[in-house]
Amino acid sequence: MENNRLVVRADQLYDGRSVHTDMTVVVEGRHIVDVTDRPCPGDIRGIVTPAFIDPHSHIGMERQGEPVLETETDEHSTPFAPLHNPLDSIYFDDRAFADAVDFGVLYSCVVPGSGNIIGGKAVIIKNFAENRSDAVVSDYGFKAALGFNPRNAVRWKGTRPSTRMGAAALLREYLSDIFRKEEQARIQKEKALYELSKPDSPKKGTVWAQREYDLALSDAEWEVFRLFNGDKILKVHLHKADDALFLLDLKKQFNIRVTAEHALDIYDSSIFNALADHGIPVVYGPLGASDAKVELKNASWRHTAKLMASQATFGLMSDHPVILAHHLRDTLKYFLIQGMTPADAIGLITRKNAEILGIGHCLGTVAPGRLASLIVWDKDPFHLSAHPLAVLAEGRIIRDRRGLPFEMNIPNEETAAAMNEIRQGKTEKVSLEQLRKEAKNGSGKEQ
């Protein structure tokens, strides 16, 4: 490695679309600059995949080692909270972040819970960020909820539904009110501009007309209005077929972009096809969790076959902590059992998730121009004991276990001495304090 250039030799390369053998990935700065089959010496060698992306998570909001009463996933004060930002409830010292990074889950779309009809923003973050100041990748959209969860929050503050029809009516009314208020304000603005086009109109009239338009809606309403002009996407929690079909009707009524989140009780490919026909992607999962409510009575991992047989565009979530983020790769087995190829399975939690989240232009595949967020595995990632030899986050090595036993992730006095012996090409001794700092922040090596 020289001049901020890193060469990764891939015995196998899962690039997010297919699998190749004996490839070389060249990284300069934060980006991949070349992917070639030309042999050349490498700084790191192993089996390479793109970094994993979790499209639906509560990481940092419901934290490891804390009582469930301290969770910050749901705000109980109002059923409509579009300005509530999960970033404001994340603690980046949640050890789930370190666990996720250990296994290459470098990005998460963090969302509020599903007790509220609109619970807040959906924000894509870097799991390897030290704190909130450099964490945000994208302000993606909003989290909404259908089905049992909103009506189970009837004791929370505000006007709460006790039925699904009540929740549906409240959501329709909320969106309709915003749509109508903006239209009324726009008409008033157009009338004002017409009057201002006449001779002797005040010079500042157009400024006043625009300002009146801007003040016609609240900040929260203007934020939600971004759904109507296509700037934002509504991630909608649902499980059952009838709720999925209501979402389809909602999309048609308001012409907004939506995704169907979970969908675990749907066992008919025709429902997934209906969503596909109307451009609604499915963010599926979590798979392998306990089905703790009646609306999941028909849920089964076997429904992955119905999803795969459909025309739906779909990705796979952990819904951390329902499934821990670093187990995201493990849940691919339910698709492999149904005949999905390993390359397509890796693509599910890399390229497909990136495309659904609107970040496929920079993440999710191994290709020139993409951010150099990569996992270098010691063996095929579908082997039960596979673990990363190295993890690269946007060109920087943040995990480096080449030649180290896995348990040396958290150094003590003995492993500090062993690591000094194992590290190749290092002439100076490494202090225990330095090793502990590296274990917290990654390898400590800036490329």
Protein backbone atom coordinates (compact mmCIF):
# COMPACT_ATOMS: atom_id res chain seq x y z
CA MET A 1 0.00 0.00 0.00
CA GLU A 2 1.40 3.35 -1.00
CA ASN A 3 0.23 6.86 -1.76
CA ASN A 4 -3.19 6.18 -0.26
CA ARG A 5 -3.62 3.26 -2.66
CA LEU A 6 -4.82 -0.14 -1.47
CA VAL A 7 -4.89 -3.33 -3.52
CA VAL A 8 -7.30 -6.10 -2.50
CA ARG A 9 -6.82 -9.54 -4.04
CA ALA A 10 -10.12 -11.43 -4.28
CA ASP A 11 -9.88 -15.20 -4.57
CA GLN A 12 -13.61 -14.87 -5.05
CA LEU A 13 -15.44 -11.61 -5.62
CA TYR A 14 -19.14 -11.28 -4.94
CA ASP A 15 -19.65 -7.90 -6.59
CA GLY A 16 -23.34 -7.53 -5.70
CA ARG A 17 -24.50 -8.93 -9.06
CA SER A 18 -22.49 -12.08 -9.72
CA VAL A 19 -19.43 -13.97 -8.52
CA HIS A 20 -15.94 -13.98 -10.09
CA THR A 21 -12.64 -15.67 -9.28
CA ASP A 22 -9.10 -14.27 -9.08
CA MET A 23 -9.95 -10.59 -9.22
CA THR A 24 -8.16 -7.45 -8.05
CA VAL A 25 -9.91 -4.44 -6.51
CA VAL A 26 -7.91 -1.22 -6.46
CA VAL A 27 -8.83 1.49 -3.95
CA GLU A 28 -7.61 5.07 -3.95
CA GLY A 29 -8.83 7.41 -1.25
CA ARG A 30 -12.48 6.70 -0.50
CA HIS A 31 -13.35 5.05 -3.81
CA ILE A 32 -12.79 1.96 -5.92
CA VAL A 33 -10.85 2.95 -9.03
CA ASP A 34 -10.46 -0.41 -10.76
CA VAL A 35 -11.78 -3.96 -10.71
CA THR A 36 -9.71 -6.24 -12.93
CA ASP A 37 -8.74 -9.86 -13.53
CA ARG A 38 -5.13 -8.81 -14.03
CA PRO A 39 -2.96 -10.44 -11.34
CA CYS A 40 -0.93 -8.12 -9.16
CA PRO A 41 0.44 -8.08 -5.60
CA GLY A 42 -2.19 -7.27 -3.00
CA ASP A 43 -2.19 -5.63 0.42
CA ILE A 44 -5.13 -7.80 1.55
CA ARG A 45 -6.30 -11.14 0.23
CA GLY A 46 -9.47 -13.15 0.77
CA ILE A 47 -13.04 -13.52 -0.43
CA VAL A 48 -14.56 -10.09 -1.06
CA THR A 49 -18.11 -8.77 -0.84
CA PRO A 50 -19.57 -5.28 -0.71
CA ALA A 51 -20.34 -3.98 2.75
CA PHE A 52 -23.77 -5.05 3.99
CA ILE A 53 -26.65 -2.58 4.24
CA ASP A 54 -29.54 -2.98 6.69
CA PRO A 55 -32.62 -1.21 5.25
CA HIS A 56 -34.75 -1.21 8.43
CA SER A 57 -33.24 -0.98 11.89
CA HIS A 58 -33.62 0.56 15.35
CA ILE A 59 -29.92 0.33 16.16
CA GLY A 60 -28.79 2.90 18.71
CA MET A 61 -32.40 3.60 19.72
CA GLU A 62 -33.09 0.32 21.49
CA ARG A 63 -29.66 -0.38 22.90
CA GLN A 64 -27.74 -3.46 23.97
CA GLY A 65 -27.50 -3.91 27.74
CA GLU A 66 -30.28 -1.43 28.54
CA PRO A 67 -33.71 -2.30 29.98
CA VAL A 68 -36.51 -2.27 27.43
CA LEU A 69 -38.13 0.60 29.35
CA GLU A 70 -35.25 2.82 28.19
CA THR A 71 -35.98 2.21 24.51
CA GLU A 72 -36.40 5.34 22.38
CA THR A 73 -38.02 3.77 19.34
CA ASP A 74 -41.53 5.21 19.84
CA GLU A 75 -42.61 8.70 20.91
CA HIS A 76 -45.85 8.45 22.93
CA SER A 77 -46.99 12.10 22.70
CA THR A 78 -48.53 12.22 19.22
CA PRO A 79 -49.60 9.77 16.47
CA PHE A 80 -48.13 12.00 13.73
CA ALA A 81 -44.49 12.98 14.24
CA PRO A 82 -42.87 13.62 10.83
CA LEU A 83 -40.19 15.92 12.27
CA HIS A 84 -39.00 13.40 14.86
CA ASN A 85 -35.53 12.34 13.78
CA PRO A 86 -34.16 8.98 14.99
CA LEU A 87 -30.69 10.51 14.95
CA ASP A 88 -31.76 12.52 18.00
CA SER A 89 -32.40 9.28 19.93
CA ILE A 90 -29.31 7.33 18.84
CA TYR A 91 -26.39 6.76 21.19
CA PHE A 92 -23.41 5.76 19.12
CA ASP A 93 -21.80 3.96 22.05
CA ASP A 94 -24.44 1.24 21.68
CA ARG A 95 -22.23 -1.84 21.40
CA ALA A 96 -24.51 -3.15 18.66
CA PHE A 97 -22.70 -0.76 16.32
CA ALA A 98 -19.35 -2.43 16.99
CA ASP A 99 -20.90 -5.88 16.56
CA ALA A 100 -22.49 -4.84 13.26
CA VAL A 101 -19.19 -3.45 11.94
CA ASP A 102 -17.35 -6.61 13.02
CA PHE A 103 -19.45 -8.52 10.49
CA GLY A 104 -19.47 -5.88 7.79
CA VAL A 105 -22.92 -4.34 8.31
CA LEU A 106 -21.69 -0.79 7.73
CA TYR A 107 -24.92 1.07 6.95
CA SER A 108 -28.42 1.12 8.42
CA CYS A 109 -31.64 2.89 7.60
CA VAL A 110 -32.75 3.76 11.11
CA VAL A 111 -36.45 4.29 11.71
CA PRO A 112 -38.75 4.92 14.68
CA GLY A 113 -41.01 2.13 15.90
CA SER A 114 -44.48 1.34 14.58
CA GLY A 115 -46.75 2.47 17.40
CA ASN A 116 -47.45 5.79 15.68
CA ILE A 117 -49.21 6.25 12.36
CA ILE A 118 -46.31 8.41 11.17
CA GLY A 119 -43.52 7.87 13.66
CA GLY A 120 -40.81 10.12 12.24
CA LYS A 121 -38.02 10.24 9.72
CA ALA A 122 -36.14 7.37 8.13
CA VAL A 123 -32.42 8.18 8.09
CA ILE A 124 -29.57 6.21 6.52
CA ILE A 125 -26.48 6.25 8.74
CA LYS A 126 -22.95 4.89 8.89
CA ASN A 127 -22.70 2.25 11.59
CA PHE A 128 -18.97 2.99 11.85
CA ALA A 129 -19.43 6.67 12.68
CA GLU A 130 -17.98 7.78 16.00
CA ASN A 131 -20.94 10.07 16.67
CA ARG A 132 -23.80 11.87 14.98
CA SER A 133 -21.66 14.60 13.45
CA ASP A 134 -20.48 12.41 10.54
CA ALA A 135 -23.13 9.70 10.60
CA VAL A 136 -25.82 10.66 8.10
CA VAL A 137 -25.67 9.29 4.57
CA SER A 138 -29.16 10.33 3.51
CA ASP A 139 -32.43 11.73 4.88
CA TYR A 140 -34.49 9.07 3.14
CA GLY A 141 -38.11 9.62 4.07
CA PHE A 142 -40.62 8.73 6.78
CA LYS A 143 -41.77 5.71 8.78
CA ALA A 144 -45.51 4.93 8.86
CA ALA A 145 -47.40 1.95 10.25
CA LEU A 146 -50.49 -0.10 9.47
CA GLY A 147 -51.90 -3.21 11.10
CA PHE A 148 -51.92 -4.12 14.76
CA ASN A 149 -49.20 -1.89 16.19
CA PRO A 150 -50.86 1.55 15.83
CA ARG A 151 -54.13 0.33 17.35
CA ASN A 152 -52.20 -1.31 20.18
CA ALA A 153 -51.02 2.20 21.21
CA VAL A 154 -54.52 3.38 22.12
CA ARG A 155 -53.40 4.37 25.64
CA TRP A 156 -50.72 6.74 24.35
CA LYS A 157 -51.37 10.48 24.14
CA GLY A 158 -53.25 12.11 21.28
CA THR A 159 -56.05 10.85 19.06
CA ARG A 160 -55.37 7.13 18.77
CA PRO A 161 -57.11 4.48 16.67
CA SER A 162 -58.45 1.32 18.25
CA THR A 163 -59.09 -0.34 14.88
CA ARG A 164 -57.32 -0.66 11.57
CA MET A 165 -60.09 1.30 9.87
CA GLY A 166 -59.53 4.07 12.41
CA ALA A 167 -55.82 4.16 11.65
CA ALA A 168 -56.51 4.16 7.90
CA ALA A 169 -58.98 7.03 8.23
CA LEU A 170 -56.59 9.09 10.34
CA LEU A 171 -53.76 8.60 7.86
CA ARG A 172 -55.91 9.50 4.86
CA GLU A 173 -57.27 12.57 6.64
CA TYR A 174 -53.79 13.73 7.67
CA LEU A 175 -52.40 13.46 4.14
CA SER A 176 -55.53 14.98 2.57
CA ASP A 177 -55.40 18.00 4.89
CA ILE A 178 -51.80 18.74 3.92
CA PHE A 179 -52.54 18.28 0.23
CA ARG A 180 -55.58 20.59 0.45
CA LYS A 181 -53.81 23.30 2.47
CA GLU A 182 -50.96 23.48 -0.02
CA GLU A 183 -53.39 23.68 -2.94
CA GLN A 184 -55.35 26.49 -1.25
CA ALA A 185 -52.13 28.38 -0.51
CA ARG A 186 -50.96 27.93 -4.10
CA ILE A 187 -54.24 29.31 -5.45
CA GLN A 188 -53.95 32.33 -3.16
CA LYS A 189 -50.39 32.88 -4.31
CA GLU A 190 -51.39 32.68 -7.99
CA LYS A 191 -54.20 35.16 -7.40
CA ALA A 192 -51.81 37.52 -5.66
CA LEU A 193 -49.27 37.26 -8.46
CA TYR A 194 -51.99 37.99 -10.99
CA GLU A 195 -52.96 41.16 -9.14
CA LEU A 196 -49.30 42.10 -8.84
CA SER A 197 -48.90 41.87 -12.60
CA LYS A 198 -51.02 45.01 -12.95
CA PRO A 199 -49.40 48.47 -13.23
CA ASP A 200 -48.48 50.33 -10.04
CA SER A 201 -48.30 47.12 -7.95
CA PRO A 202 -45.89 47.27 -4.99
CA LYS A 203 -42.37 46.13 -5.83
CA LYS A 204 -42.22 43.81 -2.82
CA GLY A 205 -45.55 42.22 -3.66
CA THR A 206 -44.08 39.04 -5.10
CA VAL A 207 -41.93 38.58 -2.01
CA TRP A 208 -44.99 38.96 0.22
CA ALA A 209 -46.99 36.52 -1.89
CA GLN A 210 -44.25 33.89 -1.64
CA ARG A 211 -43.90 34.48 2.09
CA GLU A 212 -47.64 34.03 2.64
CA TYR A 213 -47.43 30.75 0.71
CA ASP A 214 -44.47 29.56 2.81
CA LEU A 215 -46.34 30.32 6.05
CA ALA A 216 -49.54 28.55 5.00
CA LEU A 217 -48.23 25.18 6.20
CA SER A 218 -46.29 24.29 9.34
CA ASP A 219 -42.75 22.96 9.17
CA ALA A 220 -44.09 19.44 9.76
CA GLU A 221 -46.67 19.81 7.00
CA TRP A 222 -44.12 21.11 4.51
CA GLU A 223 -41.88 18.17 5.36
CA VAL A 224 -44.68 15.68 4.67
CA PHE A 225 -45.58 17.57 1.49
CA ARG A 226 -42.24 16.37 0.11
CA LEU A 227 -43.98 13.01 -0.29
CA PHE A 228 -46.33 14.57 -2.84
CA ASN A 229 -43.56 16.00 -5.01
CA GLY A 230 -41.59 12.74 -4.89
CA ASP A 231 -38.66 13.95 -2.79
CA LYS A 232 -39.30 11.49 0.04
CA ILE A 233 -40.46 7.90 0.46
CA LEU A 234 -42.90 6.49 3.02
CA LYS A 235 -41.66 3.25 4.60
CA VAL A 236 -44.87 1.53 5.72
CA HIS A 237 -44.92 -1.18 8.39
CA LEU A 238 -47.35 -3.97 7.52
CA HIS A 239 -47.59 -7.73 7.71
CA LYS A 240 -50.85 -8.95 6.20
CA ALA A 241 -52.13 -9.04 2.63
CA ASP A 242 -55.11 -6.75 3.29
CA ASP A 243 -52.85 -4.06 4.74
CA ALA A 244 -50.58 -4.39 1.70
CA LEU A 245 -53.58 -3.85 -0.57
CA PHE A 246 -54.61 -0.79 1.47
CA LEU A 247 -51.10 0.58 0.91
CA LEU A 248 -51.57 0.05 -2.80
CA ASP A 249 -54.80 2.10 -2.66
CA LEU A 250 -53.06 4.80 -0.63
CA LYS A 251 -50.30 5.09 -3.21
CA LYS A 252 -52.83 5.41 -6.02
CA GLN A 253 -54.88 8.02 -4.13
CA PHE A 254 -51.96 10.32 -3.30
CA ASN A 255 -49.43 9.34 -5.99
CA ILE A 256 -46.63 8.95 -3.45
CA ARG A 257 -43.60 6.67 -3.31
CA VAL A 258 -43.88 3.93 -0.69
CA THR A 259 -42.22 0.70 0.38
CA ALA A 260 -43.88 -2.27 2.10
CA GLU A 261 -41.89 -3.09 5.24
CA HIS A 262 -41.95 -6.63 6.77
CA ALA A 263 -44.82 -8.36 4.85
CA LEU A 264 -44.18 -11.58 6.77
CA ASP A 265 -47.77 -12.86 6.86
CA ILE A 266 -48.19 -12.65 3.08
CA TYR A 267 -48.16 -16.14 1.58
CA ASP A 268 -49.59 -15.49 -1.88
CA SER A 269 -47.34 -14.46 -4.77
CA SER A 270 -50.23 -12.56 -6.35
CA ILE A 271 -50.08 -9.98 -3.52
CA PHE A 272 -46.37 -9.45 -4.08
CA ASN A 273 -47.09 -9.17 -7.82
CA ALA A 274 -49.75 -6.53 -7.16
CA LEU A 275 -47.19 -4.50 -5.23
CA ALA A 276 -44.70 -4.96 -8.05
CA ASP A 277 -47.25 -3.83 -10.64
CA HIS A 278 -47.55 -0.51 -8.81
CA GLY A 279 -43.83 -0.01 -8.20
CA ILE A 280 -43.86 -0.81 -4.49
CA PRO A 281 -40.65 -2.55 -3.29
CA VAL A 282 -40.78 -4.96 -0.35
CA VAL A 283 -38.29 -4.65 2.51
CA TYR A 284 -38.73 -8.17 3.85
CA GLY A 285 -38.12 -9.55 7.32
CA PRO A 286 -37.02 -10.04 9.97
CA LEU A 287 -36.62 -13.77 9.44
CA GLY A 288 -36.04 -16.13 12.34
CA ALA A 289 -37.71 -14.04 15.06
CA SER A 290 -40.51 -15.04 17.41
CA ASP A 291 -43.96 -14.34 15.96
CA ALA A 292 -45.47 -12.71 19.03
CA LYS A 293 -48.81 -11.38 17.74
CA VAL A 294 -51.90 -12.70 16.01
CA GLU A 295 -51.28 -10.86 12.73
CA LEU A 296 -48.22 -13.10 12.32
CA LYS A 297 -50.09 -16.36 12.85
CA ASN A 298 -49.48 -17.37 9.22
CA ALA A 299 -45.88 -16.15 9.06
CA SER A 300 -43.25 -18.66 8.00
CA TRP A 301 -39.76 -18.65 6.56
CA ARG A 302 -41.24 -20.81 3.79
CA HIS A 303 -43.00 -17.73 2.38
CA THR A 304 -39.64 -16.67 0.96
CA ALA A 305 -40.47 -19.04 -1.90
CA LYS A 306 -43.64 -17.04 -2.66
CA LEU A 307 -41.67 -13.78 -2.62
CA MET A 308 -38.96 -15.20 -4.87
CA ALA A 309 -41.57 -16.55 -7.30
CA SER A 310 -43.13 -13.08 -7.66
CA GLN A 311 -42.08 -10.08 -9.73
CA ALA A 312 -41.51 -7.97 -6.61
CA THR A 313 -38.37 -5.96 -6.04
CA PHE A 314 -37.27 -6.88 -2.53
CA GLY A 315 -34.49 -6.50 0.01
CA LEU A 316 -33.90 -7.99 3.45
CA MET A 317 -33.90 -6.29 6.86
CA SER A 318 -32.78 -7.23 10.36
CA ASP A 319 -35.27 -4.97 12.17
CA HIS A 320 -32.55 -4.77 14.84
CA PRO A 321 -32.85 -5.67 17.67
CA VAL A 322 -35.58 -8.14 16.61
CA ILE A 323 -32.77 -9.84 14.71
CA LEU A 324 -29.39 -8.47 15.74
CA ALA A 325 -27.83 -6.44 12.95
CA HIS A 326 -24.73 -8.61 12.74
CA HIS A 327 -26.98 -11.64 12.06
CA LEU A 328 -28.35 -10.13 8.85
CA ARG A 329 -26.12 -12.37 6.71
CA ASP A 330 -27.31 -15.45 8.63
CA THR A 331 -30.93 -14.91 7.58
CA LEU A 332 -29.98 -15.32 3.93
CA LYS A 333 -30.15 -19.08 4.53
CA TYR A 334 -33.93 -18.99 4.20
CA PHE A 335 -33.53 -17.82 0.59
CA LEU A 336 -30.67 -20.22 -0.16
CA ILE A 337 -32.86 -23.11 1.02
CA GLN A 338 -35.47 -22.06 -1.55
CA GLY A 339 -32.92 -22.09 -4.37
CA MET A 340 -31.53 -18.56 -4.48
CA THR A 341 -27.94 -18.52 -5.73
CA PRO A 342 -25.21 -17.34 -3.34
CA ALA A 343 -24.44 -14.38 -5.62
CA ASP A 344 -28.08 -13.28 -5.59
CA ALA A 345 -28.23 -13.75 -1.82
CA ILE A 346 -25.24 -11.47 -1.28
CA GLY A 347 -26.86 -9.06 -3.71
CA LEU A 348 -29.98 -9.02 -1.55
CA ILE A 349 -28.24 -7.34 1.40
CA THR A 350 -25.92 -5.23 -0.75
CA ARG A 351 -27.12 -4.08 -4.18
CA LYS A 352 -30.86 -4.65 -3.72
CA ASN A 353 -30.97 -2.89 -0.35
CA ALA A 354 -28.87 -0.04 -1.72
CA GLU A 355 -31.13 0.42 -4.73
CA ILE A 356 -34.30 0.43 -2.63
CA LEU A 357 -32.72 3.05 -0.34
CA GLY A 358 -31.66 5.20 -3.28
CA ILE A 359 -27.92 4.84 -2.61
CA GLY A 360 -27.11 2.31 -5.33
CA HIS A 361 -25.07 4.92 -7.18
CA CYS A 362 -22.41 4.84 -4.45
CA LEU A 363 -22.88 1.64 -2.43
CA GLY A 364 -23.98 -1.98 -2.77
CA THR A 365 -21.68 -3.11 -5.59
CA VAL A 366 -17.96 -3.50 -6.18
CA ALA A 367 -17.30 -1.34 -9.21
CA PRO A 368 -15.16 1.65 -10.22
CA GLY A 369 -16.53 4.88 -8.80
CA ARG A 370 -18.31 3.22 -5.87
CA LEU A 371 -17.31 3.95 -2.29
CA ALA A 372 -14.71 1.44 -1.12
CA SER A 373 -16.82 -0.17 1.60
CA LEU A 374 -15.81 -3.82 1.44
CA ILE A 375 -15.59 -6.99 3.50
CA VAL A 376 -12.64 -9.35 3.03
CA TRP A 377 -13.62 -12.78 4.39
CA ASP A 378 -11.38 -15.60 5.56
CA LYS A 379 -13.61 -18.12 3.75
CA ASP A 380 -16.84 -18.15 1.78
CA PRO A 381 -19.27 -15.89 3.68
CA PHE A 382 -21.89 -18.67 3.73
CA HIS A 383 -19.60 -20.94 5.72
CA LEU A 384 -20.85 -21.10 9.32
CA SER A 385 -17.51 -20.01 10.77
CA ALA A 386 -16.71 -17.32 8.20
CA HIS A 387 -15.62 -13.98 9.63
CA PRO A 388 -14.00 -10.91 8.10
CA LEU A 389 -10.24 -10.67 7.91
CA ALA A 390 -10.66 -6.98 7.19
CA VAL A 391 -13.46 -4.46 6.86
CA LEU A 392 -13.03 -1.33 4.76
CA ALA A 393 -15.29 1.66 5.30
CA GLU A 394 -15.06 4.16 2.45
CA GLY A 395 -11.42 3.37 1.82
CA ARG A 396 -10.33 3.10 5.45
CA ILE A 397 -9.47 -0.17 7.18
CA ILE A 398 -11.59 -0.20 10.34
CA ARG A 399 -11.23 -3.89 11.20
CA ASP A 400 -8.00 -5.78 10.60
CA ARG A 401 -7.72 -9.35 11.91
CA ARG A 402 -5.21 -10.78 9.48
CA GLY A 403 -3.26 -13.37 11.40
CA LEU A 404 -5.16 -12.69 14.63
CA PRO A 405 -7.49 -15.01 16.51
CA PHE A 406 -11.05 -13.69 16.49
CA GLU A 407 -11.14 -13.39 20.28
CA MET A 408 -8.36 -10.78 20.15
CA ASN A 409 -10.91 -8.15 19.16
CA ILE A 410 -10.83 -6.78 22.73
CA PRO A 411 -7.18 -6.75 23.83
CA ASN A 412 -5.91 -7.60 27.30
CA GLU A 413 -2.31 -7.81 28.57
CA GLU A 414 -1.74 -11.29 27.08
CA THR A 415 -3.26 -10.55 23.67
CA ALA A 416 -1.35 -7.27 23.53
CA ALA A 417 1.91 -9.19 23.77
CA ALA A 418 0.72 -11.77 21.22
CA MET A 419 -0.39 -9.10 18.79
CA ASN A 420 3.03 -7.43 18.97
CA GLU A 421 4.58 -10.73 17.93
CA ILE A 422 2.05 -11.43 15.16
CA ARG A 423 1.93 -8.04 13.48
CA GLN A 424 4.10 -8.20 10.43
CA GLY A 425 6.47 -5.43 9.49
CA LYS A 426 5.95 -3.52 12.72
CA THR A 427 9.19 -2.60 14.44
CA GLU A 428 7.87 -0.62 17.40
CA LYS A 429 5.93 -2.04 20.34
CA VAL A 430 2.20 -1.33 20.54
CA SER A 431 0.90 -0.32 23.94
CA LEU A 432 -2.19 -1.90 25.49
CA GLU A 433 -3.79 1.52 25.67
CA GLN A 434 -3.29 1.96 21.92
CA LEU A 435 -4.72 -1.48 21.16
CA ARG A 436 -7.81 -0.78 23.22
CA LYS A 437 -8.28 2.49 21.35
CA GLU A 438 -7.93 0.62 18.04
CA ALA A 439 -10.46 -2.00 19.14
CA LYS A 440 -12.97 0.78 19.83
CA ASN A 441 -12.37 2.82 16.68
CA GLY A 442 -11.35 0.12 14.23
CA SER A 443 -7.80 -0.67 13.29
CA GLY A 444 -6.66 2.90 13.80
CA LYS A 445 -5.01 2.75 10.39
CA GLU A 446 -5.91 5.52 7.99
CA GLN A 447 -5.37 4.56 4.37
